[in-house]
Amino acid sequence: YGGQAMKPNPISLGRKALVQHLQSITAANGYSTNAGHNVKTGWVNEVLETEKENLPLICVQKGKDLAPKPGPDGLIKYSGFSVVGVISAPLTDYEDAIDDLERDMLLALSPTSSARQRWMPVGITGITVGAPEQYPPGQGEPTARVLIPVHLHTIIER
């Protein structure tokens, strides 16, 4: 390395920025929920084992990447994440609450007119937001969930 300090890894910077940005989902910031007070990383089922008393919850779970594309001096990596919102909900009355959380997450994640968002660190050039999927409570599961797949467009330099 010739004594040069390693540059921060843009993959890690993007993940950390996504988590930090999701923490802005609070009523004080104009959202319907305060899910941003409990944003975790990891596998949602394992996170729920310790967090089931602290709902709503947003879990940033590693998802499937898209194939990288060649870039000018390196490549563009499409880092995949499943952003999962979880609420405590009775079987009979969960739709409005999970819809509120889905709307909050979509508003936070979906790009505005410019592809690069203010919360994205240098090296992250955009985000692709996939179609949300809702999972109602049932089969002994007292929570409702919404999963939104996202891909961060990450520049990896040579």
C-alpha atoms as a PDB file:
ATOM      1  CA  TYR A   1       0.000   0.000   0.000  1.00  0.00           C
ATOM      2  CA  GLY A   2       2.975   2.321   0.279  1.00  0.00           C
ATOM      3  CA  GLY A   3       1.717   3.729   3.581  1.00  0.00           C
ATOM      4  CA  GLN A   4      -1.512   5.079   2.104  1.00  0.00           C
ATOM      5  CA  ALA A   5      -4.559   4.934   4.343  1.00  0.00           C
ATOM      6  CA  MET A   6      -7.397   2.842   2.965  1.00  0.00           C
ATOM      7  CA  LYS A   7     -10.341   4.872   1.763  1.00  0.00           C
ATOM      8  CA  PRO A   8     -13.625   4.122   3.521  1.00  0.00           C
ATOM      9  CA  ASN A   9     -15.565   1.347   1.782  1.00  0.00           C
ATOM     10  CA  PRO A  10     -18.512   2.923  -0.095  1.00  0.00           C
ATOM     11  CA  ILE A  11     -20.559  -0.270   0.406  1.00  0.00           C
ATOM     12  CA  SER A  12     -20.354   0.173   4.197  1.00  0.00           C
ATOM     13  CA  LEU A  13     -20.888   3.939   3.978  1.00  0.00           C
ATOM     14  CA  GLY A  14     -24.064   3.388   1.916  1.00  0.00           C
ATOM     15  CA  ARG A  15     -25.522   0.849   4.369  1.00  0.00           C
ATOM     16  CA  LYS A  16     -24.790   3.088   7.360  1.00  0.00           C
ATOM     17  CA  ALA A  17     -26.290   6.125   5.600  1.00  0.00           C
ATOM     18  CA  LEU A  18     -29.447   4.145   4.739  1.00  0.00           C
ATOM     19  CA  VAL A  19     -29.873   3.127   8.392  1.00  0.00           C
ATOM     20  CA  GLN A  20     -29.267   6.692   9.577  1.00  0.00           C
ATOM     21  CA  HIS A  21     -31.732   8.084   7.034  1.00  0.00           C
ATOM     22  CA  LEU A  22     -34.461   5.640   8.116  1.00  0.00           C
ATOM     23  CA  GLN A  23     -34.001   6.944  11.674  1.00  0.00           C
ATOM     24  CA  SER A  24     -35.564  10.201  10.441  1.00  0.00           C
ATOM     25  CA  ILE A  25     -39.004   8.495  10.238  1.00  0.00           C
ATOM     26  CA  THR A  26     -40.568  10.241  13.223  1.00  0.00           C
ATOM     27  CA  ALA A  27     -43.724  12.211  13.838  1.00  0.00           C
ATOM     28  CA  ALA A  28     -41.508  15.227  14.630  1.00  0.00           C
ATOM     29  CA  ASN A  29     -40.262  15.059  11.012  1.00  0.00           C
ATOM     30  CA  GLY A  30     -43.790  14.928   9.590  1.00  0.00           C
ATOM     31  CA  TYR A  31     -44.221  11.157   9.306  1.00  0.00           C
ATOM     32  CA  SER A  32     -47.203   9.167  10.616  1.00  0.00           C
ATOM     33  CA  THR A  33     -45.134   6.827  12.790  1.00  0.00           C
ATOM     34  CA  ASN A  34     -42.089   6.912  15.039  1.00  0.00           C
ATOM     35  CA  ALA A  35     -40.585   3.766  13.500  1.00  0.00           C
ATOM     36  CA  GLY A  36     -37.300   5.625  13.046  1.00  0.00           C
ATOM     37  CA  HIS A  37     -36.738   5.413  16.807  1.00  0.00           C
ATOM     38  CA  ASN A  38     -36.014   1.668  16.371  1.00  0.00           C
ATOM     39  CA  VAL A  39     -33.956   0.940  13.235  1.00  0.00           C
ATOM     40  CA  LYS A  40     -31.830  -2.219  13.354  1.00  0.00           C
ATOM     41  CA  THR A  41     -29.724  -4.281  10.956  1.00  0.00           C
ATOM     42  CA  GLY A  42     -29.672  -8.047  10.625  1.00  0.00           C
ATOM     43  CA  TRP A  43     -32.220 -10.774   9.946  1.00  0.00           C
ATOM     44  CA  VAL A  44     -35.667  -9.526  10.900  1.00  0.00           C
ATOM     45  CA  ASN A  45     -36.732 -12.748  12.665  1.00  0.00           C
ATOM     46  CA  GLU A  46     -33.626 -12.696  14.855  1.00  0.00           C
ATOM     47  CA  VAL A  47     -33.944  -8.956  15.552  1.00  0.00           C
ATOM     48  CA  LEU A  48     -37.584  -9.498  16.584  1.00  0.00           C
ATOM     49  CA  GLU A  49     -36.517 -12.003  19.254  1.00  0.00           C
ATOM     50  CA  THR A  50     -35.028  -9.133  21.268  1.00  0.00           C
ATOM     51  CA  GLU A  51     -37.136  -6.223  19.943  1.00  0.00           C
ATOM     52  CA  LYS A  52     -40.708  -7.592  20.002  1.00  0.00           C
ATOM     53  CA  GLU A  53     -41.588  -5.232  22.874  1.00  0.00           C
ATOM     54  CA  ASN A  54     -40.191  -2.231  20.963  1.00  0.00           C
ATOM     55  CA  LEU A  55     -42.455  -1.986  17.925  1.00  0.00           C
ATOM     56  CA  PRO A  56     -42.760  -0.360  15.442  1.00  0.00           C
ATOM     57  CA  LEU A  57     -39.403  -1.450  14.125  1.00  0.00           C
ATOM     58  CA  ILE A  58     -37.531  -1.045  10.848  1.00  0.00           C
ATOM     59  CA  CYS A  59     -34.967  -3.715  10.032  1.00  0.00           C
ATOM     60  CA  VAL A  60     -32.418  -3.260   7.251  1.00  0.00           C
ATOM     61  CA  GLN A  61     -31.713  -6.815   6.130  1.00  0.00           C
ATOM     62  CA  LYS A  62     -29.140  -7.662   3.454  1.00  0.00           C
ATOM     63  CA  GLY A  63     -30.902  -8.498   0.210  1.00  0.00           C
ATOM     64  CA  LYS A  64     -29.933  -9.771  -3.207  1.00  0.00           C
ATOM     65  CA  ASP A  65     -27.629  -7.497  -5.182  1.00  0.00           C
ATOM     66  CA  LEU A  66     -28.109  -6.805  -8.876  1.00  0.00           C
ATOM     67  CA  ALA A  67     -25.287  -7.589 -11.301  1.00  0.00           C
ATOM     68  CA  PRO A  68     -22.572  -4.904 -11.275  1.00  0.00           C
ATOM     69  CA  LYS A  69     -22.000  -2.788 -14.364  1.00  0.00           C
ATOM     70  CA  PRO A  70     -18.686  -1.449 -15.643  1.00  0.00           C
ATOM     71  CA  GLY A  71     -18.053   2.168 -14.751  1.00  0.00           C
ATOM     72  CA  PRO A  72     -15.448   4.741 -15.903  1.00  0.00           C
ATOM     73  CA  ASP A  73     -12.705   3.850 -13.371  1.00  0.00           C
ATOM     74  CA  GLY A  74     -14.177   0.787 -11.715  1.00  0.00           C
ATOM     75  CA  LEU A  75     -17.726  -0.452 -11.493  1.00  0.00           C
ATOM     76  CA  ILE A  76     -21.207   0.340 -10.253  1.00  0.00           C
ATOM     77  CA  LYS A  77     -22.455  -2.099  -7.622  1.00  0.00           C
ATOM     78  CA  TYR A  78     -26.160  -2.345  -6.869  1.00  0.00           C
ATOM     79  CA  SER A  79     -26.180  -3.221  -3.154  1.00  0.00           C
ATOM     80  CA  GLY A  80     -29.461  -4.906  -2.268  1.00  0.00           C
ATOM     81  CA  PHE A  81     -31.381  -4.550   0.988  1.00  0.00           C
ATOM     82  CA  SER A  82     -34.769  -5.616   2.248  1.00  0.00           C
ATOM     83  CA  VAL A  83     -36.127  -2.797   4.381  1.00  0.00           C
ATOM     84  CA  VAL A  84     -38.707  -4.449   6.634  1.00  0.00           C
ATOM     85  CA  GLY A  85     -41.166  -2.487   8.765  1.00  0.00           C
ATOM     86  CA  VAL A  86     -42.835  -4.369  11.618  1.00  0.00           C
ATOM     87  CA  ILE A  87     -45.794  -3.369  13.775  1.00  0.00           C
ATOM     88  CA  SER A  88     -47.586  -5.151  16.583  1.00  0.00           C
ATOM     89  CA  ALA A  89     -51.071  -5.820  15.303  1.00  0.00           C
ATOM     90  CA  PRO A  90     -54.200  -7.804  16.048  1.00  0.00           C
ATOM     91  CA  LEU A  91     -55.544  -9.955  13.218  1.00  0.00           C
ATOM     92  CA  THR A  92     -58.700  -7.893  12.990  1.00  0.00           C
ATOM     93  CA  ASP A  93     -57.314  -4.375  12.794  1.00  0.00           C
ATOM     94  CA  TYR A  94     -53.868  -3.965  11.284  1.00  0.00           C
ATOM     95  CA  GLU A  95     -54.412  -2.585   7.766  1.00  0.00           C
ATOM     96  CA  ASP A  96     -54.380   1.144   8.574  1.00  0.00           C
ATOM     97  CA  ALA A  97     -51.322   0.829  10.817  1.00  0.00           C
ATOM     98  CA  ILE A  98     -49.256  -1.150   8.287  1.00  0.00           C
ATOM     99  CA  ASP A  99     -50.383   1.219   5.508  1.00  0.00           C
ATOM    100  CA  ASP A 100     -49.106   4.171   7.594  1.00  0.00           C
ATOM    101  CA  LEU A 101     -45.732   2.493   8.075  1.00  0.00           C
ATOM    102  CA  GLU A 102     -45.528   1.558   4.373  1.00  0.00           C
ATOM    103  CA  ARG A 103     -46.258   5.152   3.353  1.00  0.00           C
ATOM    104  CA  ASP A 104     -43.617   6.488   5.760  1.00  0.00           C
ATOM    105  CA  MET A 105     -40.995   4.061   4.474  1.00  0.00           C
ATOM    106  CA  LEU A 106     -41.812   4.811   0.825  1.00  0.00           C
ATOM    107  CA  LEU A 107     -41.644   8.560   1.425  1.00  0.00           C
ATOM    108  CA  ALA A 108     -38.256   8.181   3.122  1.00  0.00           C
ATOM    109  CA  LEU A 109     -36.813   5.787   0.531  1.00  0.00           C
ATOM    110  CA  SER A 110     -38.213   6.965  -2.789  1.00  0.00           C
ATOM    111  CA  PRO A 111     -36.010   9.372  -4.665  1.00  0.00           C
ATOM    112  CA  THR A 112     -37.123  12.912  -5.297  1.00  0.00           C
ATOM    113  CA  SER A 113     -36.651  14.372  -8.769  1.00  0.00           C
ATOM    114  CA  SER A 114     -32.849  14.201  -8.524  1.00  0.00           C
ATOM    115  CA  ALA A 115     -31.437  10.666  -8.399  1.00  0.00           C
ATOM    116  CA  ARG A 116     -28.854  11.429  -5.706  1.00  0.00           C
ATOM    117  CA  GLN A 117     -30.478  12.244  -2.373  1.00  0.00           C
ATOM    118  CA  ARG A 118     -29.086  14.587   0.291  1.00  0.00           C
ATOM    119  CA  TRP A 119     -28.642  11.703   2.748  1.00  0.00           C
ATOM    120  CA  MET A 120     -26.434   9.674   0.399  1.00  0.00           C
ATOM    121  CA  PRO A 121     -22.696   9.773   1.011  1.00  0.00           C
ATOM    122  CA  VAL A 122     -20.172  10.374  -1.763  1.00  0.00           C
ATOM    123  CA  GLY A 123     -19.948   7.216  -3.860  1.00  0.00           C
ATOM    124  CA  ILE A 124     -23.671   6.440  -3.695  1.00  0.00           C
ATOM    125  CA  THR A 125     -25.237   7.838  -6.853  1.00  0.00           C
ATOM    126  CA  GLY A 126     -28.845   6.706  -6.482  1.00  0.00           C
ATOM    127  CA  ILE A 127     -31.395   4.291  -5.088  1.00  0.00           C
ATOM    128  CA  THR A 128     -33.870   1.966  -6.785  1.00  0.00           C
ATOM    129  CA  VAL A 129     -36.970   1.176  -4.739  1.00  0.00           C
ATOM    130  CA  GLY A 130     -38.888  -1.998  -5.535  1.00  0.00           C
ATOM    131  CA  ALA A 131     -42.541  -2.877  -4.994  1.00  0.00           C
ATOM    132  CA  PRO A 132     -43.607  -3.153  -1.333  1.00  0.00           C
ATOM    133  CA  GLU A 133     -45.086  -6.412  -0.044  1.00  0.00           C
ATOM    134  CA  GLN A 134     -47.299  -6.582   3.037  1.00  0.00           C
ATOM    135  CA  TYR A 135     -47.516  -9.604   5.318  1.00  0.00           C
ATOM    136  CA  PRO A 136     -50.527  -9.677   7.676  1.00  0.00           C
ATOM    137  CA  PRO A 137     -50.434 -11.122  11.178  1.00  0.00           C
ATOM    138  CA  GLY A 138     -51.408 -14.768  11.416  1.00  0.00           C
ATOM    139  CA  GLN A 139     -50.150 -18.301  11.950  1.00  0.00           C
ATOM    140  CA  GLY A 140     -49.257 -17.376  15.510  1.00  0.00           C
ATOM    141  CA  GLU A 141     -47.372 -14.258  14.406  1.00  0.00           C
ATOM    142  CA  PRO A 142     -48.705 -11.164  16.259  1.00  0.00           C
ATOM    143  CA  THR A 143     -47.015  -8.696  13.895  1.00  0.00           C
ATOM    144  CA  ALA A 144     -47.742  -7.246  10.490  1.00  0.00           C
ATOM    145  CA  ARG A 145     -44.829  -6.499   8.177  1.00  0.00           C
ATOM    146  CA  VAL A 146     -44.081  -4.566   5.043  1.00  0.00           C
ATOM    147  CA  LEU A 147     -40.970  -5.372   2.999  1.00  0.00           C
ATOM    148  CA  ILE A 148     -39.517  -2.895   0.512  1.00  0.00           C
ATOM    149  CA  PRO A 149     -36.561  -4.040  -1.598  1.00  0.00           C
ATOM    150  CA  VAL A 150     -33.989  -1.334  -2.358  1.00  0.00           C
ATOM    151  CA  HIS A 151     -30.721  -1.159  -4.268  1.00  0.00           C
ATOM    152  CA  LEU A 152     -28.101   1.498  -3.574  1.00  0.00           C
ATOM    153  CA  HIS A 153     -26.099   2.458  -6.674  1.00  0.00           C
ATOM    154  CA  THR A 154     -22.535   2.356  -5.385  1.00  0.00           C
ATOM    155  CA  ILE A 155     -19.409   3.473  -7.256  1.00  0.00           C
ATOM    156  CA  ILE A 156     -16.486   1.105  -6.627  1.00  0.00           C
ATOM    157  CA  GLU A 157     -13.251   2.720  -7.860  1.00  0.00           C
ATOM    158  CA  ARG A 158     -10.204   0.777  -8.970  1.00  0.00           C
END
